[in-house]
Amino acid sequence: MKSAVALLLFLAGAAFASPAPSNSATVPITLDHDRIIVDVRLPLPDGTTKRVRAWVDNGNPDLWITENVAKLMNLPLSSETREHIGGKGRTAQAPRAVILGGMEISFAGIKEAKATAADAVGPGLSAEINLPSSVLRNYDILINYPDREFTIAAPGTLKFEGVKSKLLLNSENGLVQVPSKLENKNYNFGLDVGTPVSFLSGALLADFERAHPDWPHMTGAISIANLWGMSDEAHAQLLKAPRLQFGPVALTDVIFSTLPTDIMEFIQKRAGMETAGLLGASALINYRVGLDYKHETLYLDLRNFYKPRDMDVIGFILRPELDGRYTILGIADYDGKPSVPEAQPGDVLISSDGARATGATMGQVWSSLEGNPGQTRKLVLDRAGKQIEVDATVRHFLGDTSSDKDKKH
């Protein structure tokens, strides 16, 4: 009888005991505009948790949250506002941790977060919090693009595979650079999986465009180059480089967008070293990317052999508004003419082939604008309060066929 009572007491205690902390977690990812979005749980003051979406952003050391997250977690907010991506925002006390796949991810050492009153931490995103480089650097990280999985683990616990490369780590903020080669010249490129497109300094991009007029190039940040809808995106220069040696790995058909001088200087200052630009997620979509911060090593494990994405889209440059609408900033030229002549800057994209743009993420909107060259998309636009229908043709931008090389975009 005593042994039975003891067993019941043991089982009762086990039922209420806290689970053993995990030292690793693997969770599925959503690739939205090639940005990595995962589910995390916020520990709330009443002992419960709340699920929200998080953006894995190793190219940014700043912690971003929405004011909704701050209020849920009872984090004090400042009264004054500061500039934040997509508009003004306040600062908040940083949370202690979040939970990802059963593993507690500590935010120790981060004192404050940039908080926005919008529904997401950036226009066109679904995430209410980001996982910045200042947090990720304290862990082993594996981004498995082919299998759509994200793994985070205690330092030294992951077994990495693939080609090794030395990382140049800024130990203060977790930003990393990779020694690389472009046209047999040595450069450092930052690794930034938080951005879909790769970036090159404006001066270097102009130099390569002059030296290689046969490299596909155009004006206008369409498709993966359309990030936040900043005004300069309508005039951004895009260039497709046939080859970039990123560490020891040769990447082909890398699409670069312009980094203006002031932003380039800001990036170099935060990197703490000379850099030519950033390598974005679209160039690594066939790889498992391992970041061993402790040993300052990058692992690139090729798992797929898909051809890098072509820019086969409707040629809009869009601005995601805080109210969920998408305003047309510009229309890219094709064969020297506007690719969608019936559209005008200032029009609002309502839908594409019935897929509603308002309230969608940037990735969802661009998926509705992609297709095979020559296909037609039926667009509904709002122009000064009046809805109009437009038949728009999918064009093959930045093409590299013999016929495409003669086109002036």
Protein backbone atom coordinates (compact mmCIF):
# COMPACT_ATOMS: atom_id res chain seq x y z
CA MET A 1 0.00 0.00 0.00
CA LYS A 2 2.79 2.41 0.94
CA SER A 3 4.58 1.71 -2.34
CA ALA A 4 1.37 2.44 -4.30
CA VAL A 5 0.91 5.77 -2.51
CA ALA A 6 4.56 6.65 -3.12
CA LEU A 7 4.16 5.85 -6.83
CA LEU A 8 1.05 8.08 -7.08
CA LEU A 9 2.86 10.94 -5.35
CA PHE A 10 5.82 10.54 -7.69
CA LEU A 11 3.59 10.60 -10.77
CA ALA A 12 1.70 13.63 -9.48
CA GLY A 13 4.96 15.47 -8.88
CA ALA A 14 6.21 14.55 -12.33
CA ALA A 15 3.02 15.89 -13.93
CA PHE A 16 3.58 19.35 -12.44
CA ALA A 17 7.36 19.45 -12.81
CA SER A 18 8.83 21.81 -15.38
CA PRO A 19 10.15 20.07 -18.50
CA ALA A 20 13.91 19.81 -18.80
CA PRO A 21 15.28 22.75 -20.79
CA SER A 22 16.19 21.82 -24.37
CA ASN A 23 19.58 22.74 -25.82
CA SER A 24 18.39 22.66 -29.43
CA ALA A 25 15.25 23.15 -31.48
CA THR A 26 14.31 22.55 -35.11
CA VAL A 27 11.19 24.24 -36.44
CA PRO A 28 9.56 24.62 -39.86
CA ILE A 29 10.03 27.90 -41.65
CA THR A 30 7.89 29.95 -43.97
CA LEU A 31 9.84 31.61 -46.75
CA ASP A 32 8.03 34.86 -47.38
CA HIS A 33 9.80 36.96 -50.01
CA ASP A 34 12.77 34.65 -49.19
CA ARG A 35 12.70 35.93 -45.61
CA ILE A 36 12.73 33.29 -42.86
CA ILE A 37 9.60 33.43 -40.71
CA VAL A 38 9.17 31.08 -37.72
CA ASP A 39 6.74 30.70 -34.83
CA VAL A 40 7.89 31.68 -31.35
CA ARG A 41 6.04 31.86 -28.05
CA LEU A 42 6.17 34.90 -25.78
CA PRO A 43 6.34 34.14 -22.02
CA LEU A 44 3.61 36.34 -20.50
CA PRO A 45 3.48 37.76 -16.95
CA ASP A 46 0.58 35.46 -15.95
CA GLY A 47 2.65 32.35 -16.71
CA THR A 48 1.00 31.59 -20.07
CA THR A 49 2.54 31.98 -23.50
CA LYS A 50 1.38 33.62 -26.72
CA ARG A 51 2.34 32.50 -30.23
CA VAL A 52 3.59 35.17 -32.65
CA ARG A 53 5.61 35.19 -35.85
CA ALA A 54 9.34 35.98 -35.77
CA TRP A 55 11.72 37.04 -38.53
CA VAL A 56 15.23 35.51 -38.52
CA ASP A 57 17.44 38.49 -39.37
CA ASN A 58 21.16 37.85 -38.92
CA GLY A 59 22.08 41.01 -40.85
CA ASN A 60 20.67 43.36 -38.21
CA PRO A 61 21.81 43.62 -34.56
CA ASP A 62 18.79 45.64 -33.40
CA LEU A 63 15.83 43.98 -31.70
CA TRP A 64 12.49 44.98 -33.24
CA ILE A 65 9.08 44.30 -31.75
CA THR A 66 5.55 45.61 -32.18
CA GLU A 67 3.90 47.63 -29.45
CA ASN A 68 1.42 44.78 -29.18
CA VAL A 69 4.27 42.47 -28.11
CA ALA A 70 5.44 45.06 -25.59
CA LYS A 71 1.95 45.31 -24.09
CA LEU A 72 1.46 41.53 -23.99
CA MET A 73 4.75 41.08 -22.14
CA ASN A 74 4.22 44.15 -19.95
CA LEU A 75 7.38 45.84 -21.28
CA PRO A 76 7.61 49.59 -20.51
CA LEU A 77 7.39 51.83 -23.60
CA SER A 78 9.04 55.23 -23.97
CA SER A 79 6.92 58.33 -24.50
CA GLU A 80 9.17 59.76 -27.20
CA THR A 81 9.23 58.44 -30.76
CA ARG A 82 12.17 57.72 -33.06
CA GLU A 83 12.56 56.84 -36.72
CA HIS A 84 11.76 53.21 -37.40
CA ILE A 85 11.53 51.31 -40.66
CA GLY A 86 8.21 52.18 -42.27
CA GLY A 87 7.60 55.12 -39.91
CA LYS A 88 8.14 56.38 -36.39
CA GLY A 89 8.24 54.13 -33.34
CA ARG A 90 9.02 54.08 -29.65
CA THR A 91 11.55 52.12 -27.64
CA ALA A 92 10.66 49.40 -25.18
CA GLN A 93 12.42 47.37 -22.55
CA ALA A 94 13.75 44.22 -24.21
CA PRO A 95 12.06 40.93 -23.24
CA ARG A 96 14.08 38.44 -21.22
CA ALA A 97 13.55 35.58 -23.67
CA VAL A 98 11.24 33.90 -26.17
CA ILE A 99 10.54 30.21 -26.68
CA LEU A 100 11.26 28.57 -30.03
CA GLY A 101 10.27 24.92 -30.47
CA GLY A 102 10.51 24.27 -26.74
CA MET A 103 13.90 25.98 -26.38
CA GLU A 104 14.30 29.22 -24.46
CA ILE A 105 16.12 31.82 -26.56
CA SER A 106 17.76 34.32 -24.23
CA PHE A 107 17.90 38.05 -24.98
CA ALA A 108 20.47 38.62 -22.24
CA GLY A 109 22.61 41.69 -22.89
CA ILE A 110 19.96 43.46 -24.97
CA LYS A 111 18.54 46.38 -23.01
CA GLU A 112 15.98 47.85 -25.37
CA ALA A 113 13.92 47.09 -28.44
CA LYS A 114 12.65 49.32 -31.21
CA ALA A 115 8.87 49.16 -31.04
CA THR A 116 6.43 50.03 -33.81
CA ALA A 117 2.71 50.69 -33.51
CA ALA A 118 2.11 48.76 -36.75
CA ASP A 119 0.89 45.15 -36.90
CA ALA A 120 4.37 43.90 -37.95
CA VAL A 121 7.97 44.96 -37.39
CA GLY A 122 8.29 46.01 -41.04
CA PRO A 123 5.92 46.92 -43.87
CA GLY A 124 4.83 43.86 -45.83
CA LEU A 125 5.93 41.42 -43.11
CA SER A 126 3.87 39.13 -40.87
CA ALA A 127 6.39 39.03 -38.00
CA GLU A 128 5.86 40.85 -34.69
CA ILE A 129 9.43 40.32 -33.48
CA ASN A 130 12.80 39.64 -35.05
CA LEU A 131 15.68 37.39 -34.00
CA PRO A 132 18.65 39.70 -34.65
CA SER A 133 22.36 38.95 -34.99
CA SER A 134 22.95 40.11 -31.40
CA VAL A 135 20.82 37.14 -30.24
CA LEU A 136 21.75 34.56 -32.89
CA ARG A 137 25.51 34.96 -32.27
CA ASN A 138 25.10 33.18 -28.91
CA TYR A 139 23.99 29.94 -30.59
CA ASP A 140 24.74 27.45 -33.36
CA ILE A 141 22.46 28.19 -36.31
CA LEU A 142 21.45 25.97 -39.24
CA ILE A 143 19.20 27.32 -41.99
CA ASN A 144 18.00 24.46 -44.17
CA TYR A 145 16.50 26.19 -47.19
CA PRO A 146 15.76 23.05 -49.26
CA ASP A 147 13.84 21.35 -46.41
CA ARG A 148 12.41 24.62 -45.02
CA GLU A 149 13.76 24.12 -41.50
CA PHE A 150 15.52 26.33 -38.97
CA THR A 151 17.67 24.90 -36.18
CA ILE A 152 19.08 26.77 -33.19
CA ALA A 153 21.25 25.09 -30.57
CA ALA A 154 23.64 25.74 -27.74
CA PRO A 155 27.17 26.53 -28.96
CA GLY A 156 29.16 23.45 -29.90
CA THR A 157 26.19 21.09 -30.07
CA LEU A 158 25.39 21.08 -33.80
CA LYS A 159 27.25 18.89 -36.25
CA PHE A 160 27.71 20.95 -39.39
CA GLU A 161 28.22 19.62 -42.90
CA GLY A 162 29.38 21.22 -46.13
CA VAL A 163 32.20 23.43 -47.31
CA LYS A 164 33.84 25.43 -44.52
CA SER A 165 34.69 29.10 -44.76
CA LYS A 166 36.19 31.59 -42.34
CA LEU A 167 33.80 34.16 -40.94
CA LEU A 168 34.93 37.65 -40.04
CA LEU A 169 32.82 38.22 -36.92
CA ASN A 170 32.07 41.50 -35.23
CA SER A 171 31.94 40.15 -31.69
CA GLU A 172 30.06 43.21 -30.40
CA ASN A 173 26.94 42.79 -32.56
CA GLY A 174 27.19 39.40 -34.29
CA LEU A 175 27.41 40.75 -37.85
CA VAL A 176 29.52 38.58 -40.13
CA GLN A 177 31.54 39.12 -43.31
CA VAL A 178 32.83 36.46 -45.68
CA PRO A 179 36.05 36.91 -47.74
CA SER A 180 34.92 36.63 -51.37
CA LYS A 181 35.95 37.26 -54.96
CA LEU A 182 34.13 39.08 -57.73
CA GLU A 183 35.91 39.26 -61.11
CA ASN A 184 39.08 37.90 -59.45
CA LYS A 185 39.23 40.78 -56.98
CA ASN A 186 39.04 40.26 -53.23
CA TYR A 187 36.14 41.74 -51.29
CA ASN A 188 34.30 41.14 -48.04
CA PHE A 189 30.56 40.51 -48.32
CA GLY A 190 28.23 40.51 -45.36
CA LEU A 191 25.95 37.50 -44.99
CA ASP A 192 22.38 38.73 -44.53
CA VAL A 193 19.66 36.08 -44.73
CA GLY A 194 17.16 38.72 -43.61
CA THR A 195 17.12 40.26 -47.09
CA PRO A 196 16.08 38.39 -50.26
CA VAL A 197 18.29 40.30 -52.70
CA SER A 198 22.06 40.85 -52.58
CA PHE A 199 23.53 44.34 -52.45
CA LEU A 200 26.62 45.96 -53.93
CA SER A 201 27.96 49.42 -53.25
CA GLY A 202 26.72 51.92 -55.82
CA ALA A 203 30.26 52.76 -56.95
CA LEU A 204 31.22 49.12 -57.49
CA LEU A 205 27.97 48.30 -59.27
CA ALA A 206 28.50 51.21 -61.66
CA ASP A 207 32.11 50.07 -62.27
CA PHE A 208 31.03 46.51 -63.12
CA GLU A 209 28.21 47.76 -65.33
CA ARG A 210 30.67 49.88 -67.35
CA ALA A 211 33.25 47.09 -67.54
CA HIS A 212 30.66 44.44 -68.47
CA PRO A 213 27.84 45.96 -70.53
CA ASP A 214 26.81 42.40 -71.46
CA TRP A 215 25.85 41.64 -67.84
CA PRO A 216 22.04 41.95 -67.53
CA HIS A 217 21.09 45.19 -65.83
CA MET A 218 18.05 47.42 -65.37
CA THR A 219 16.54 50.28 -63.36
CA GLY A 220 13.88 49.64 -60.72
CA ALA A 221 13.82 47.39 -57.65
CA ILE A 222 11.29 44.81 -58.83
CA SER A 223 10.59 41.35 -57.37
CA ILE A 224 13.14 40.24 -54.72
CA ALA A 225 14.81 43.68 -54.85
CA ASN A 226 11.58 45.36 -53.74
CA LEU A 227 12.05 45.39 -49.96
CA TRP A 228 10.34 48.20 -48.04
CA GLY A 229 9.11 50.53 -50.77
CA MET A 230 11.59 53.28 -49.99
CA SER A 231 11.53 56.11 -52.53
CA ASP A 232 14.99 55.26 -53.89
CA GLU A 233 13.84 51.74 -54.88
CA ALA A 234 12.07 53.18 -57.93
CA HIS A 235 15.49 54.26 -59.29
CA ALA A 236 17.68 51.47 -57.89
CA GLN A 237 20.08 49.82 -60.33
CA LEU A 238 20.00 46.02 -60.61
CA LEU A 239 22.83 43.92 -62.02
CA LYS A 240 23.14 40.15 -62.51
CA ALA A 241 26.73 38.93 -61.93
CA PRO A 242 27.47 35.59 -63.64
CA ARG A 243 29.69 34.40 -60.78
CA LEU A 244 30.59 35.32 -57.22
CA GLN A 245 33.04 33.29 -55.17
CA PHE A 246 31.57 33.49 -51.68
CA GLY A 247 34.25 32.01 -49.48
CA PRO A 248 35.26 28.82 -51.35
CA VAL A 249 31.83 28.37 -53.00
CA ALA A 250 31.04 29.63 -56.51
CA LEU A 251 27.56 31.15 -56.75
CA THR A 252 26.11 31.90 -60.19
CA ASP A 253 23.70 34.53 -61.51
CA VAL A 254 23.72 36.61 -58.34
CA ILE A 255 21.32 39.56 -58.54
CA PHE A 256 22.67 42.72 -56.93
CA SER A 257 20.84 45.93 -56.10
CA THR A 258 22.44 49.30 -55.46
CA LEU A 259 23.53 50.34 -51.99
CA PRO A 260 23.49 54.16 -51.84
CA THR A 261 26.59 55.83 -50.39
CA ASP A 262 25.03 56.84 -47.06
CA ILE A 263 23.60 53.36 -46.43
CA MET A 264 26.90 51.79 -47.49
CA GLU A 265 28.77 53.91 -44.95
CA PHE A 266 26.26 52.93 -42.26
CA ILE A 267 26.68 49.21 -43.06
CA GLN A 268 30.49 49.44 -43.01
CA LYS A 269 30.41 51.26 -39.68
CA ARG A 270 28.22 48.56 -38.12
CA ALA A 271 30.30 45.78 -39.68
CA GLY A 272 33.45 47.31 -38.22
CA MET A 273 35.41 46.52 -41.36
CA GLU A 274 35.54 47.16 -45.09
CA THR A 275 32.77 45.52 -47.05
CA ALA A 276 31.61 45.59 -50.66
CA GLY A 277 27.99 44.75 -49.92
CA LEU A 278 25.67 42.02 -48.66
CA LEU A 279 24.79 38.54 -49.88
CA GLY A 280 21.05 37.89 -49.56
CA ALA A 281 18.95 34.77 -49.20
CA SER A 282 18.01 34.30 -52.87
CA ALA A 283 21.63 33.41 -53.71
CA LEU A 284 21.64 30.59 -51.11
CA ILE A 285 18.26 29.00 -51.67
CA ASN A 286 19.83 25.65 -52.69
CA TYR A 287 21.99 25.40 -49.56
CA ARG A 288 21.93 24.43 -45.94
CA VAL A 289 23.66 27.38 -44.27
CA GLY A 290 25.44 26.70 -40.99
CA LEU A 291 26.70 29.48 -38.71
CA ASP A 292 29.19 28.36 -36.07
CA TYR A 293 29.66 31.69 -34.34
CA LYS A 294 31.82 30.21 -31.57
CA HIS A 295 34.45 29.06 -34.04
CA GLU A 296 33.79 31.85 -36.56
CA THR A 297 33.04 29.38 -39.34
CA LEU A 298 30.44 29.28 -42.11
CA TYR A 299 29.24 25.99 -43.61
CA LEU A 300 27.56 25.84 -47.04
CA ASP A 301 26.06 22.47 -47.88
CA LEU A 302 24.64 22.27 -51.43
CA ARG A 303 21.46 20.16 -51.42
CA ASN A 304 19.52 21.26 -54.51
CA PHE A 305 20.49 22.24 -58.04
CA TYR A 306 17.61 24.50 -58.97
CA LYS A 307 18.45 27.35 -61.28
CA PRO A 308 18.40 30.69 -59.42
CA ARG A 309 15.06 32.43 -59.77
CA ASP A 310 14.51 34.49 -62.91
CA MET A 311 12.95 37.92 -62.67
CA ASP A 312 9.82 36.87 -64.57
CA VAL A 313 7.27 39.25 -63.10
CA ILE A 314 5.00 42.23 -63.62
CA GLY A 315 7.41 45.18 -63.54
CA PHE A 316 6.12 47.13 -60.55
CA ILE A 317 8.04 48.74 -57.71
CA LEU A 318 5.66 48.65 -54.75
CA ARG A 319 5.42 50.39 -51.41
CA PRO A 320 3.63 48.45 -48.63
CA GLU A 321 1.64 50.95 -46.60
CA LEU A 322 0.99 50.72 -42.87
CA ASP A 323 -2.72 50.18 -43.56
CA GLY A 324 -1.98 47.06 -45.66
CA ARG A 325 -2.33 48.66 -49.12
CA TYR A 326 0.32 48.44 -51.84
CA THR A 327 1.05 51.66 -53.72
CA ILE A 328 2.84 51.57 -57.08
CA LEU A 329 6.04 53.63 -56.74
CA GLY A 330 7.21 53.07 -60.28
CA ILE A 331 6.97 50.91 -63.39
CA ALA A 332 10.14 49.33 -64.77
CA ASP A 333 10.92 49.77 -68.46
CA TYR A 334 11.07 46.84 -70.85
CA ASP A 335 12.47 47.27 -74.37
CA GLY A 336 12.73 50.98 -73.63
CA LYS A 337 9.04 51.38 -72.77
CA PRO A 338 7.04 51.13 -69.53
CA SER A 339 6.36 47.43 -68.94
CA VAL A 340 2.79 48.18 -67.82
CA PRO A 341 1.84 51.34 -69.78
CA GLU A 342 -1.71 51.48 -68.38
CA ALA A 343 -0.48 51.77 -64.76
CA GLN A 344 0.73 54.97 -63.12
CA PRO A 345 2.84 55.75 -60.05
CA GLY A 346 0.44 56.43 -57.22
CA ASP A 347 -2.03 53.74 -58.26
CA VAL A 348 -2.89 51.21 -55.55
CA LEU A 349 -2.70 47.51 -56.42
CA ILE A 350 -5.95 45.88 -55.26
CA SER A 351 -5.58 42.38 -56.72
CA SER A 352 -3.79 40.22 -59.31
CA ASP A 353 -5.82 37.45 -60.97
CA GLY A 354 -8.22 37.64 -58.04
CA ALA A 355 -5.51 37.35 -55.36
CA ARG A 356 -6.07 40.32 -53.06
CA ALA A 357 -3.01 42.48 -52.37
CA THR A 358 -4.40 44.59 -49.54
CA GLY A 359 -3.51 42.94 -46.23
CA ALA A 360 -1.16 40.40 -47.83
CA THR A 361 2.55 40.12 -47.14
CA MET A 362 5.14 41.30 -49.64
CA GLY A 363 5.97 37.69 -50.48
CA GLN A 364 2.34 36.85 -51.17
CA VAL A 365 1.91 39.89 -53.41
CA TRP A 366 5.00 39.12 -55.46
CA SER A 367 3.96 35.47 -55.82
CA SER A 368 0.76 36.73 -57.46
CA LEU A 369 2.80 38.89 -59.85
CA GLU A 370 5.18 36.12 -60.99
CA GLY A 371 4.67 33.81 -63.94
CA ASN A 372 6.01 32.67 -67.28
CA PRO A 373 7.09 35.39 -69.72
CA GLY A 374 4.19 36.35 -71.96
CA GLN A 375 1.47 35.36 -69.49
CA THR A 376 -1.17 37.95 -68.69
CA ARG A 377 -2.23 38.96 -65.20
CA LYS A 378 -5.57 40.69 -64.71
CA LEU A 379 -4.92 43.52 -62.27
CA VAL A 380 -7.36 45.68 -60.37
CA LEU A 381 -5.93 49.10 -59.52
CA ASP A 382 -7.33 51.98 -57.50
CA ARG A 383 -6.66 55.38 -59.05
CA ALA A 384 -7.88 58.33 -56.99
CA GLY A 385 -10.74 56.28 -55.57
CA LYS A 386 -11.82 54.72 -58.86
CA GLN A 387 -11.10 51.06 -59.63
CA ILE A 388 -9.76 50.16 -63.07
CA GLU A 389 -8.85 46.83 -64.64
CA VAL A 390 -5.53 46.34 -66.43
CA ASP A 391 -4.16 43.38 -68.40
CA ALA A 392 -0.44 43.25 -67.56
CA THR A 393 2.14 40.99 -69.23
CA VAL A 394 4.76 39.04 -67.30
CA ARG A 395 8.19 40.07 -68.62
CA HIS A 396 11.59 38.35 -68.45
CA PHE A 397 13.67 41.02 -66.71
CA LEU A 398 17.45 40.69 -66.32
CA GLY A 399 17.42 38.02 -69.03
CA ASP A 400 20.68 36.49 -70.20
CA THR A 401 19.72 34.88 -73.50
CA SER A 402 21.26 36.19 -76.71
CA SER A 403 18.07 38.06 -77.62
CA ASP A 404 17.73 39.51 -74.14
CA LYS A 405 21.26 40.91 -74.08
CA ASP A 406 20.31 43.52 -76.67
CA LYS A 407 17.38 44.82 -74.63
CA LYS A 408 17.74 48.10 -72.80
CA HIS A 409 15.81 48.02 -69.53
